[in-house]
N, C-alpha and C. Protein backbone atom coordinates (compact mmCIF):
# COMPACT_ATOMS: atom_id res chain seq x y z
N MET A 1 141.67 179.97 118.00
CA MET A 1 140.55 178.50 118.30
C MET A 1 140.92 177.26 117.10
N LYS A 2 141.27 177.73 115.75
CA LYS A 2 141.74 176.78 115.08
C LYS A 2 142.66 175.92 115.39
N ASN A 3 143.47 176.67 115.95
CA ASN A 3 145.03 175.71 116.59
C ASN A 3 144.51 174.66 118.02
N LEU A 4 143.68 175.16 118.83
CA LEU A 4 143.14 174.29 119.67
C LEU A 4 142.74 172.75 119.29
N ALA A 5 141.51 173.43 118.21
CA ALA A 5 140.70 172.25 117.45
C ALA A 5 141.52 170.98 116.62
N ALA A 6 142.68 171.71 116.06
CA ALA A 6 143.66 171.22 115.38
C ALA A 6 144.36 169.94 116.94
N ILE A 7 144.82 170.80 117.48
CA ILE A 7 145.68 169.89 118.80
C ILE A 7 144.66 168.80 119.42
N LEU A 8 143.38 169.22 119.97
CA LEU A 8 142.47 168.44 120.17
C LEU A 8 142.18 167.06 119.03
N GLY A 9 142.13 167.64 117.98
CA GLY A 9 142.07 166.26 117.20
C GLY A 9 142.71 165.54 116.63
N VAL A 10 144.45 165.93 117.00
CA VAL A 10 145.46 165.17 116.54
C VAL A 10 145.54 163.94 118.19
N ALA A 11 145.43 164.56 119.10
CA ALA A 11 145.23 164.00 120.47
C ALA A 11 144.26 163.21 120.59
N THR A 12 143.24 162.96 119.97
CA THR A 12 141.96 162.28 120.17
C THR A 12 142.20 161.23 119.11
N ILE A 13 142.78 161.13 118.00
CA ILE A 13 143.27 160.47 117.03
C ILE A 13 144.46 159.28 117.78
N SER A 14 145.63 160.26 118.46
CA SER A 14 146.54 159.45 118.88
C SER A 14 146.15 158.56 120.20
N LEU A 15 145.08 159.25 120.82
CA LEU A 15 144.47 158.16 122.20
C LEU A 15 143.99 157.08 121.13
N ILE A 16 143.18 157.37 119.98
CA ILE A 16 142.45 156.15 119.89
C ILE A 16 143.46 155.47 118.96
N MET A 17 144.76 155.89 118.87
CA MET A 17 146.08 154.70 117.94
C MET A 17 146.25 154.13 119.21
N VAL A 18 146.37 154.60 120.16
CA VAL A 18 147.03 153.90 121.50
C VAL A 18 146.19 152.84 122.31
N VAL A 19 144.71 153.10 122.06
CA VAL A 19 143.92 151.87 122.48
C VAL A 19 143.86 150.94 121.98
N LEU A 20 143.73 151.02 120.02
CA LEU A 20 143.76 150.07 119.16
C LEU A 20 144.69 149.35 119.21
N PHE A 21 145.98 150.07 119.38
CA PHE A 21 147.55 149.26 119.87
C PHE A 21 147.44 148.42 121.00
N LEU A 22 146.94 148.83 121.96
CA LEU A 22 147.10 148.39 123.07
C LEU A 22 145.92 147.24 123.35
N THR A 23 145.17 147.29 122.17
CA THR A 23 143.75 145.89 122.98
C THR A 23 143.94 144.79 121.47
N ASP A 24 144.75 145.63 120.90
CA ASP A 24 145.12 144.22 119.68
C ASP A 24 146.62 143.18 119.82
N GLY A 25 146.09 142.14 120.45
CA GLY A 25 147.27 140.70 120.75
C GLY A 25 148.00 141.06 122.19
N THR A 26 147.64 141.82 123.14
CA THR A 26 148.19 142.17 124.14
C THR A 26 148.08 141.24 125.09
N THR A 27 148.85 141.16 126.02
CA THR A 27 148.87 140.21 127.19
C THR A 27 148.20 140.75 128.25
N MET A 28 147.26 140.21 129.20
CA MET A 28 146.75 140.08 129.97
C MET A 28 147.21 139.04 131.24
N PRO A 29 147.45 139.92 132.06
CA PRO A 29 147.85 139.09 133.59
C PRO A 29 146.68 138.68 134.03
N VAL A 30 146.44 137.08 134.49
CA VAL A 30 145.35 136.37 134.81
C VAL A 30 145.75 135.46 136.26
N SER A 31 144.69 136.07 137.57
CA SER A 31 145.06 135.17 138.77
C SER A 31 144.82 134.08 138.39
N ALA A 32 145.20 133.12 138.58
CA ALA A 32 144.52 131.37 138.90
C ALA A 32 142.83 131.53 139.82
N LYS A 33 143.20 132.38 140.49
CA LYS A 33 142.02 132.18 141.36
C LYS A 33 140.91 133.09 141.56
N ASN A 34 140.88 133.58 140.64
CA ASN A 34 139.46 134.46 139.73
C ASN A 34 139.29 134.22 138.48
N HIS A 35 139.68 133.00 137.84
CA HIS A 35 139.23 132.57 137.12
C HIS A 35 139.20 133.33 135.95
N SER A 36 139.57 134.10 135.20
CA SER A 36 139.82 135.31 134.36
C SER A 36 139.44 133.95 133.16
N LEU A 37 139.04 134.99 131.80
CA LEU A 37 138.69 134.26 130.77
C LEU A 37 139.00 135.15 129.64
N ILE A 38 139.22 134.68 128.45
CA ILE A 38 139.42 135.54 127.17
C ILE A 38 138.47 134.59 126.27
N SER A 39 137.94 135.72 125.18
CA SER A 39 137.20 134.99 123.97
C SER A 39 138.10 135.07 123.07
N ALA A 40 137.30 134.51 121.93
CA ALA A 40 138.04 133.91 120.72
C ALA A 40 136.88 134.35 119.48
N SER A 41 137.21 135.38 118.81
CA SER A 41 136.12 135.43 117.84
C SER A 41 136.44 134.49 116.68
N LEU A 42 135.41 133.74 116.29
CA LEU A 42 135.10 132.43 115.89
C LEU A 42 135.35 133.15 114.25
N GLU A 43 134.89 132.66 112.65
CA GLU A 43 135.45 133.30 111.91
C GLU A 43 134.13 132.25 111.54
N LYS A 44 133.45 132.86 109.95
CA LYS A 44 132.14 132.24 109.84
C LYS A 44 132.13 130.75 109.55
N ASP A 45 131.69 130.01 109.88
CA ASP A 45 131.67 128.95 109.61
C ASP A 45 130.51 127.99 109.83
N GLU A 46 130.09 126.70 108.92
CA GLU A 46 128.85 126.26 109.03
C GLU A 46 128.52 125.87 110.42
N ALA A 47 129.34 125.01 111.33
CA ALA A 47 128.63 124.74 112.43
C ALA A 47 128.63 126.36 113.30
N PHE A 48 128.92 127.51 113.37
CA PHE A 48 128.58 128.94 114.18
C PHE A 48 128.20 129.88 113.03
N PRO A 49 126.87 130.13 112.61
CA PRO A 49 126.34 130.79 111.60
C PRO A 49 126.51 132.39 112.36
N LEU A 50 126.84 132.45 112.99
CA LEU A 50 126.94 133.90 113.96
C LEU A 50 128.09 133.91 113.17
N LYS A 51 128.66 135.39 112.55
CA LYS A 51 130.13 135.97 112.09
C LYS A 51 129.80 136.60 113.47
N ASN A 52 131.77 136.17 114.02
CA ASN A 52 132.12 136.77 115.08
C ASN A 52 131.53 136.52 116.38
N GLU A 53 131.43 135.12 116.67
CA GLU A 53 130.80 134.72 117.97
C GLU A 53 131.82 134.73 118.99
N LYS A 54 131.48 134.40 120.22
CA LYS A 54 132.74 134.65 120.94
C LYS A 54 132.55 133.03 121.74
N LYS A 55 133.46 132.78 121.77
CA LYS A 55 133.60 131.25 122.50
C LYS A 55 134.57 131.58 123.81
N GLU A 56 134.65 131.41 124.74
CA GLU A 56 135.54 131.80 126.24
C GLU A 56 136.59 130.67 126.39
N LEU A 57 137.85 130.95 126.43
CA LEU A 57 138.83 129.76 126.87
C LEU A 57 138.94 130.42 128.72
N THR A 58 137.99 129.66 129.24
CA THR A 58 138.14 129.62 130.86
C THR A 58 139.21 129.28 131.65
N HIS A 59 139.62 129.25 132.71
CA HIS A 59 140.38 128.92 133.80
C HIS A 59 140.03 127.41 133.60
N ASP A 60 139.16 127.08 133.54
CA ASP A 60 138.71 125.87 134.05
C ASP A 60 138.82 124.58 132.47
N ASN A 61 138.53 125.55 131.40
CA ASN A 61 139.09 124.56 130.29
C ASN A 61 140.74 124.22 130.06
N ILE A 62 141.17 125.47 130.87
CA ILE A 62 142.63 125.39 130.89
C ILE A 62 142.94 124.08 131.42
N VAL A 63 142.55 124.36 132.80
CA VAL A 63 143.05 123.12 133.98
C VAL A 63 142.65 121.71 133.70
N GLN A 64 141.29 121.60 132.73
CA GLN A 64 141.34 120.37 132.00
C GLN A 64 142.09 119.59 131.39
N LEU A 65 142.05 120.45 130.10
CA LEU A 65 142.75 120.29 129.14
C LEU A 65 144.49 120.10 129.27
N THR A 66 145.06 120.79 129.90
CA THR A 66 146.26 120.68 130.93
C THR A 66 146.11 119.12 131.26
N ASN A 67 145.66 119.03 132.43
CA ASN A 67 145.45 117.69 133.06
C ASN A 67 145.14 116.42 131.86
N ARG A 68 144.02 116.50 131.10
CA ARG A 68 143.95 115.58 130.28
C ARG A 68 144.84 115.83 129.44
N PHE A 69 145.78 116.16 129.32
CA PHE A 69 146.91 115.60 128.45
C PHE A 69 148.14 115.24 129.36
N MET A 70 148.12 115.49 130.33
CA MET A 70 149.07 115.02 131.35
C MET A 70 148.77 113.70 131.73
N ASP A 71 147.42 113.67 132.08
CA ASP A 71 146.96 112.03 132.03
C ASP A 71 147.00 110.90 130.58
N ILE A 72 147.11 111.44 129.53
CA ILE A 72 147.39 110.68 128.56
C ILE A 72 148.62 110.65 128.46
N LEU A 73 149.49 111.26 128.58
CA LEU A 73 151.05 111.42 128.66
C LEU A 73 151.58 110.00 129.66
N VAL A 74 150.51 110.22 130.72
CA VAL A 74 151.97 109.34 131.51
C VAL A 74 150.59 108.27 132.13
N GLN A 75 150.92 106.60 131.13
CA GLN A 75 149.98 105.87 130.91
C GLN A 75 150.44 104.72 132.02
N ASP A 76 149.08 103.79 132.51
CA ASP A 76 149.65 102.76 133.35
C ASP A 76 150.17 101.91 132.94
N SER A 77 151.31 101.21 133.47
CA SER A 77 152.66 100.03 133.12
C SER A 77 152.23 99.17 133.84
N GLU A 78 152.79 98.09 132.99
CA GLU A 78 152.89 97.04 134.14
C GLU A 78 154.45 96.95 134.45
N GLU A 79 154.90 95.88 135.62
CA GLU A 79 156.33 96.21 136.05
C GLU A 79 157.47 96.26 135.33
N ASN A 80 157.27 95.96 133.44
CA ASN A 80 158.48 96.07 132.89
C ASN A 80 158.11 97.34 132.35
N TYR A 81 157.15 98.44 132.66
CA TYR A 81 157.37 99.36 132.04
C TYR A 81 156.01 99.64 130.64
N LYS A 82 155.56 97.94 130.15
CA LYS A 82 154.62 97.81 129.13
C LYS A 82 153.66 98.71 129.31
N VAL A 83 153.05 99.33 128.62
CA VAL A 83 151.63 100.27 128.66
C VAL A 83 150.64 99.10 128.44
N LYS A 84 149.70 99.79 129.31
CA LYS A 84 148.68 98.74 129.48
C LYS A 84 147.34 98.65 128.23
N GLN A 85 147.09 99.94 128.48
CA GLN A 85 146.34 100.55 127.06
C GLN A 85 146.35 100.71 125.89
N PHE A 86 147.32 101.09 125.10
CA PHE A 86 147.67 101.12 123.88
C PHE A 86 149.14 100.12 123.63
N ASN A 87 148.83 100.02 122.17
CA ASN A 87 149.99 98.97 121.56
C ASN A 87 150.75 99.73 120.87
N THR A 88 150.38 100.87 120.44
CA THR A 88 151.38 101.58 119.43
C THR A 88 151.30 103.01 119.95
N LYS A 89 152.68 103.85 119.25
CA LYS A 89 152.36 105.34 119.34
C LYS A 89 150.88 105.88 118.60
N GLU A 90 150.77 105.26 117.77
CA GLU A 90 149.77 105.64 116.43
C GLU A 90 148.62 106.05 116.92
N ASP A 91 147.90 104.50 118.32
CA ASP A 91 147.00 104.46 118.96
C ASP A 91 147.10 105.83 119.72
N LEU A 92 147.98 106.09 120.61
CA LEU A 92 148.50 106.80 121.67
C LEU A 92 148.15 108.90 120.77
N LEU A 93 148.50 108.73 120.18
CA LEU A 93 148.59 109.53 119.31
C LEU A 93 147.11 110.26 119.08
N THR A 94 146.19 109.65 118.60
CA THR A 94 144.68 109.25 118.18
C THR A 94 143.94 109.97 119.12
N GLU A 95 144.47 109.21 120.88
CA GLU A 95 143.71 109.56 122.19
C GLU A 95 144.38 111.14 122.24
N PHE A 96 145.46 111.42 122.23
CA PHE A 96 145.92 112.56 122.08
C PHE A 96 144.89 113.81 121.60
N GLU A 97 144.36 113.22 120.19
CA GLU A 97 143.49 114.30 119.19
C GLU A 97 142.34 114.89 119.99
N LYS A 98 142.01 113.84 121.25
CA LYS A 98 141.02 114.75 121.87
C LYS A 98 141.21 116.03 122.39
N VAL A 99 142.09 116.36 122.80
CA VAL A 99 142.65 117.48 123.81
C VAL A 99 143.53 118.29 122.97
N SER A 100 144.23 118.01 122.16
CA SER A 100 145.21 118.65 121.48
C SER A 100 145.58 118.37 120.06
N THR A 101 146.72 118.53 119.31
CA THR A 101 146.80 118.55 118.27
C THR A 101 147.96 117.09 118.04
N ARG A 102 147.81 116.70 116.94
CA ARG A 102 148.69 115.12 116.96
C ARG A 102 150.10 115.96 116.83
N GLU A 103 150.12 117.25 116.23
CA GLU A 103 151.61 117.27 116.28
C GLU A 103 152.25 117.97 117.40
N THR A 104 151.69 118.57 117.93
CA THR A 104 151.67 118.88 119.32
C THR A 104 152.59 117.49 120.25
N ALA A 105 151.01 116.98 120.24
CA ALA A 105 151.59 115.47 120.79
C ALA A 105 152.95 114.56 120.72
N LYS A 106 153.15 114.63 119.39
CA LYS A 106 153.99 114.05 118.65
C LYS A 106 155.32 113.96 119.33
N SER A 107 155.64 114.84 119.51
CA SER A 107 157.37 114.89 120.24
C SER A 107 157.12 114.40 121.69
N TYR A 108 155.94 114.46 122.31
CA TYR A 108 156.29 114.11 123.69
C TYR A 108 155.59 112.88 123.83
N VAL A 109 155.63 112.08 122.97
CA VAL A 109 155.09 110.32 122.50
C VAL A 109 156.36 110.25 122.08
N ASP A 110 157.25 110.55 121.36
CA ASP A 110 158.53 110.09 120.78
C ASP A 110 159.38 109.98 121.76
N PHE A 111 159.63 110.99 122.60
CA PHE A 111 160.41 111.36 123.44
C PHE A 111 159.91 110.29 124.67
N TYR A 112 159.03 109.90 125.18
CA TYR A 112 158.15 109.16 126.41
C TYR A 112 157.91 107.89 125.84
N TYR A 113 158.04 107.75 124.81
CA TYR A 113 157.38 105.86 124.49
C TYR A 113 158.28 105.41 123.35
N GLU A 114 158.46 104.15 123.44
CA GLU A 114 159.27 103.20 122.75
C GLU A 114 158.48 102.00 122.19
N GLU A 115 158.44 101.90 120.61
CA GLU A 115 157.33 100.84 120.32
C GLU A 115 158.32 99.48 120.36
N LYS A 116 157.88 98.19 120.23
CA LYS A 116 158.82 97.34 120.46
C LYS A 116 157.72 96.10 119.85
N ALA A 117 158.37 95.12 119.64
CA ALA A 117 157.34 93.99 118.77
C ALA A 117 156.40 93.70 119.34
N ASP A 118 156.05 93.32 121.01
CA ASP A 118 155.17 92.93 122.24
C ASP A 118 154.09 94.08 122.33
N GLY A 119 154.60 95.26 122.10
CA GLY A 119 153.73 96.47 122.71
C GLY A 119 154.81 97.65 122.46
N MET A 120 153.95 98.73 123.78
CA MET A 120 154.60 99.74 123.80
C MET A 120 155.29 100.17 124.79
N TYR A 121 156.14 100.51 125.27
CA TYR A 121 156.84 100.70 126.83
C TYR A 121 157.01 102.54 126.77
N ILE A 122 156.71 102.67 128.06
CA ILE A 122 157.12 103.79 128.52
C ILE A 122 158.71 104.26 128.94
N LEU A 123 159.16 105.19 129.03
CA LEU A 123 160.61 105.29 129.39
C LEU A 123 160.43 105.66 131.05
N PRO A 124 161.07 105.24 131.62
CA PRO A 124 160.56 105.76 133.11
C PRO A 124 161.84 106.79 133.36
N THR A 125 161.10 108.07 133.61
CA THR A 125 161.93 109.15 133.69
C THR A 125 161.01 110.44 134.18
N GLU A 126 160.86 111.22 134.39
CA GLU A 126 160.46 112.27 135.02
C GLU A 126 159.51 112.83 133.95
N THR A 127 158.24 113.43 134.48
CA THR A 127 156.96 114.20 133.53
C THR A 127 158.14 115.89 133.24
N PRO A 128 157.28 116.34 131.77
CA PRO A 128 158.00 117.36 131.72
C PRO A 128 157.44 118.87 132.61
N PRO A 129 158.39 119.63 132.83
CA PRO A 129 157.77 120.88 133.25
C PRO A 129 156.37 121.01 133.20
N TRP A 130 155.26 121.50 133.95
CA TRP A 130 154.25 121.70 133.29
C TRP A 130 153.13 122.84 134.19
N PHE A 131 151.88 122.89 133.21
CA PHE A 131 151.28 124.38 133.92
C PHE A 131 150.94 123.64 135.27
N ILE A 132 151.02 125.04 136.24
CA ILE A 132 150.38 124.80 137.91
C ILE A 132 149.22 125.56 137.72
N GLN A 133 148.10 124.72 137.99
CA GLN A 133 146.50 125.40 137.88
C GLN A 133 146.41 126.28 139.13
N ASP A 134 147.24 126.60 139.93
CA ASP A 134 147.19 126.96 141.37
C ASP A 134 147.58 128.63 141.35
N ASN A 135 148.93 128.72 140.18
CA ASN A 135 149.72 129.75 139.97
C ASN A 135 149.66 130.84 138.62
N ASP A 136 149.74 132.12 139.09
CA ASP A 136 149.07 132.93 138.16
C ASP A 136 149.52 132.99 136.38
N TYR A 137 149.17 133.53 135.57
CA TYR A 137 149.57 133.11 134.32
C TYR A 137 149.13 134.45 133.47
N ASP A 138 149.64 135.20 132.50
CA ASP A 138 149.26 135.78 131.22
C ASP A 138 148.25 134.73 130.16
N ILE A 139 147.61 135.83 129.82
CA ILE A 139 147.22 135.29 128.22
C ILE A 139 147.25 136.01 127.20
N GLU A 140 147.76 135.93 125.85
CA GLU A 140 147.83 136.51 124.99
C GLU A 140 146.94 136.26 124.16
N GLN A 141 146.07 137.27 123.62
CA GLN A 141 145.41 136.99 122.36
C GLN A 141 146.56 137.12 121.00
N VAL A 142 146.72 135.69 120.41
CA VAL A 142 147.39 135.33 119.07
C VAL A 142 146.61 135.85 117.84
N SER A 143 145.40 135.38 117.65
CA SER A 143 144.71 135.71 116.59
C SER A 143 143.21 135.55 117.03
N ASN A 144 142.27 135.78 116.13
CA ASN A 144 141.02 135.28 116.43
C ASN A 144 140.20 134.46 117.11
N ASN A 145 141.01 132.88 116.92
CA ASN A 145 140.36 131.50 117.61
C ASN A 145 141.84 131.06 118.38
N THR A 146 142.45 132.00 118.30
CA THR A 146 143.92 131.38 119.53
C THR A 146 144.29 132.28 120.23
N VAL A 147 144.44 131.46 121.50
CA VAL A 147 145.33 132.30 122.87
C VAL A 147 146.39 131.85 123.10
N LYS A 148 147.41 132.45 123.80
CA LYS A 148 148.37 131.61 124.15
C LYS A 148 148.66 132.15 125.71
N ILE A 149 148.32 130.86 126.49
CA ILE A 149 149.01 131.29 128.00
C ILE A 149 150.59 131.49 128.55
N ILE A 150 151.10 131.93 129.38
CA ILE A 150 152.55 132.20 129.44
C ILE A 150 152.56 131.72 131.01
N GLN A 151 153.11 130.96 131.54
CA GLN A 151 153.35 131.08 133.06
C GLN A 151 154.93 130.53 133.20
N ASN A 152 155.05 131.34 134.43
CA ASN A 152 156.63 131.18 135.39
C ASN A 152 156.68 130.91 136.85
N ASN A 153 156.99 129.35 136.60
CA ASN A 153 156.85 128.50 137.80
C ASN A 153 158.37 128.08 138.21
N THR A 154 158.12 127.58 139.70
CA THR A 154 159.48 127.00 139.95
C THR A 154 159.07 126.22 140.73
N THR A 155 159.87 124.95 140.69
CA THR A 155 159.41 123.56 141.45
C THR A 155 160.86 123.23 141.74
N ASP A 156 160.91 121.98 143.13
CA ASP A 156 161.95 121.64 143.52
C ASP A 156 162.76 120.59 142.00
N LEU A 157 161.85 119.90 141.78
CA LEU A 157 162.48 119.40 140.76
C LEU A 157 162.95 119.66 139.07
N ASP A 158 162.30 120.87 139.16
CA ASP A 158 162.56 121.62 137.32
C ASP A 158 163.29 123.09 137.73
N GLY A 159 163.37 123.77 138.71
CA GLY A 159 163.76 124.90 138.55
C GLY A 159 163.11 126.11 138.25
N ASN A 160 163.32 127.07 138.21
CA ASN A 160 162.66 128.34 137.55
C ASN A 160 162.85 127.41 135.96
N TYR A 161 161.15 127.40 135.42
CA TYR A 161 160.86 127.76 134.29
C TYR A 161 159.51 127.83 133.84
N THR A 162 159.56 128.42 132.29
CA THR A 162 158.23 129.10 132.01
C THR A 162 157.77 127.96 130.82
N ILE A 163 156.26 127.78 130.88
CA ILE A 163 155.60 127.15 129.92
C ILE A 163 154.37 127.96 129.42
N GLU A 164 154.46 127.80 127.76
CA GLU A 164 153.74 128.73 126.94
C GLU A 164 152.76 127.87 126.33
N MET A 165 151.53 127.86 126.76
CA MET A 165 150.85 126.99 125.56
C MET A 165 150.00 127.75 125.01
N GLU A 166 149.68 127.13 123.65
CA GLU A 166 148.59 127.76 122.80
C GLU A 166 147.89 126.78 122.76
N PHE A 167 146.26 127.66 122.65
CA PHE A 167 144.93 127.08 122.78
C PHE A 167 144.38 127.47 121.62
N THR A 168 143.53 127.12 120.87
CA THR A 168 142.96 127.06 119.58
C THR A 168 141.74 126.27 119.80
N TYR A 169 141.05 127.42 119.30
CA TYR A 169 139.43 126.91 118.78
C TYR A 169 139.01 126.76 117.54
N HIS A 170 138.46 125.48 117.60
CA HIS A 170 137.60 125.13 116.38
C HIS A 170 136.81 123.81 116.36
N LYS A 171 135.35 124.29 116.77
CA LYS A 171 134.54 123.59 117.38
C LYS A 171 134.78 122.94 118.77
N THR A 172 135.95 123.25 119.22
CA THR A 172 136.21 123.16 120.89
C THR A 172 137.77 123.60 121.24
N TRP A 173 138.12 123.76 122.15
CA TRP A 173 139.36 124.35 122.74
C TRP A 173 140.43 123.37 122.35
N LYS A 174 141.55 123.38 121.90
CA LYS A 174 142.73 122.26 122.06
C LYS A 174 143.83 122.86 122.29
N ILE A 175 144.76 122.01 122.80
CA ILE A 175 146.45 122.55 122.88
C ILE A 175 147.05 122.13 121.42
N THR A 176 147.54 123.77 120.79
CA THR A 176 148.16 123.93 119.54
C THR A 176 149.40 123.87 119.76
N ASN A 177 150.02 123.98 120.56
CA ASN A 177 151.48 124.18 121.04
C ASN A 177 152.01 124.26 122.13
N ILE A 178 152.95 123.67 122.61
CA ILE A 178 153.60 123.93 123.89
C ILE A 178 155.14 124.16 123.65
N THR A 179 155.80 125.20 124.73
CA THR A 179 157.42 125.40 124.40
C THR A 179 157.49 125.77 125.62
N HIS A 180 158.53 125.17 126.16
CA HIS A 180 159.21 125.16 127.58
C HIS A 180 160.32 125.61 127.61
N ARG A 181 160.78 126.94 128.60
CA ARG A 181 162.06 127.42 128.54
C ARG A 181 162.44 127.35 130.22
């Protein structure tokens, strides 16, 4: 009987450890059509007095942030590609801070825009491979307030590519990292 109890005890502990391992930082597939979501546990903060409060990152949040990022990136311009709304990269980066960190947007702004004495110009080229809202993706919990989405896509223009986007919650969700492969 002692051996059976010991075996059951070890099996129970092993099962608990496997469950804990699998629920910490796992990747979960998400269908874009079922609008699955993931929560972020927030650290104690003056704005959020309840410790471990949950804030959900929904499919709609992801779509809104990624669409708005691209809307900011692709500025209206005149015939000569002079940007109508912003005169400097600094102004554009400030606009990006509504949906992403400045650091995340900076490489895009530096690649797609050029400042001249008379204003800022968009370089005529294709947009980067991007999140496709109707395609499935995986969500990975990175930390208490950060999640990563991973999406594999194929388009005529870009071929096969993977986009990884990190979203971090601090008072609001923002894009905090983007990787293209």
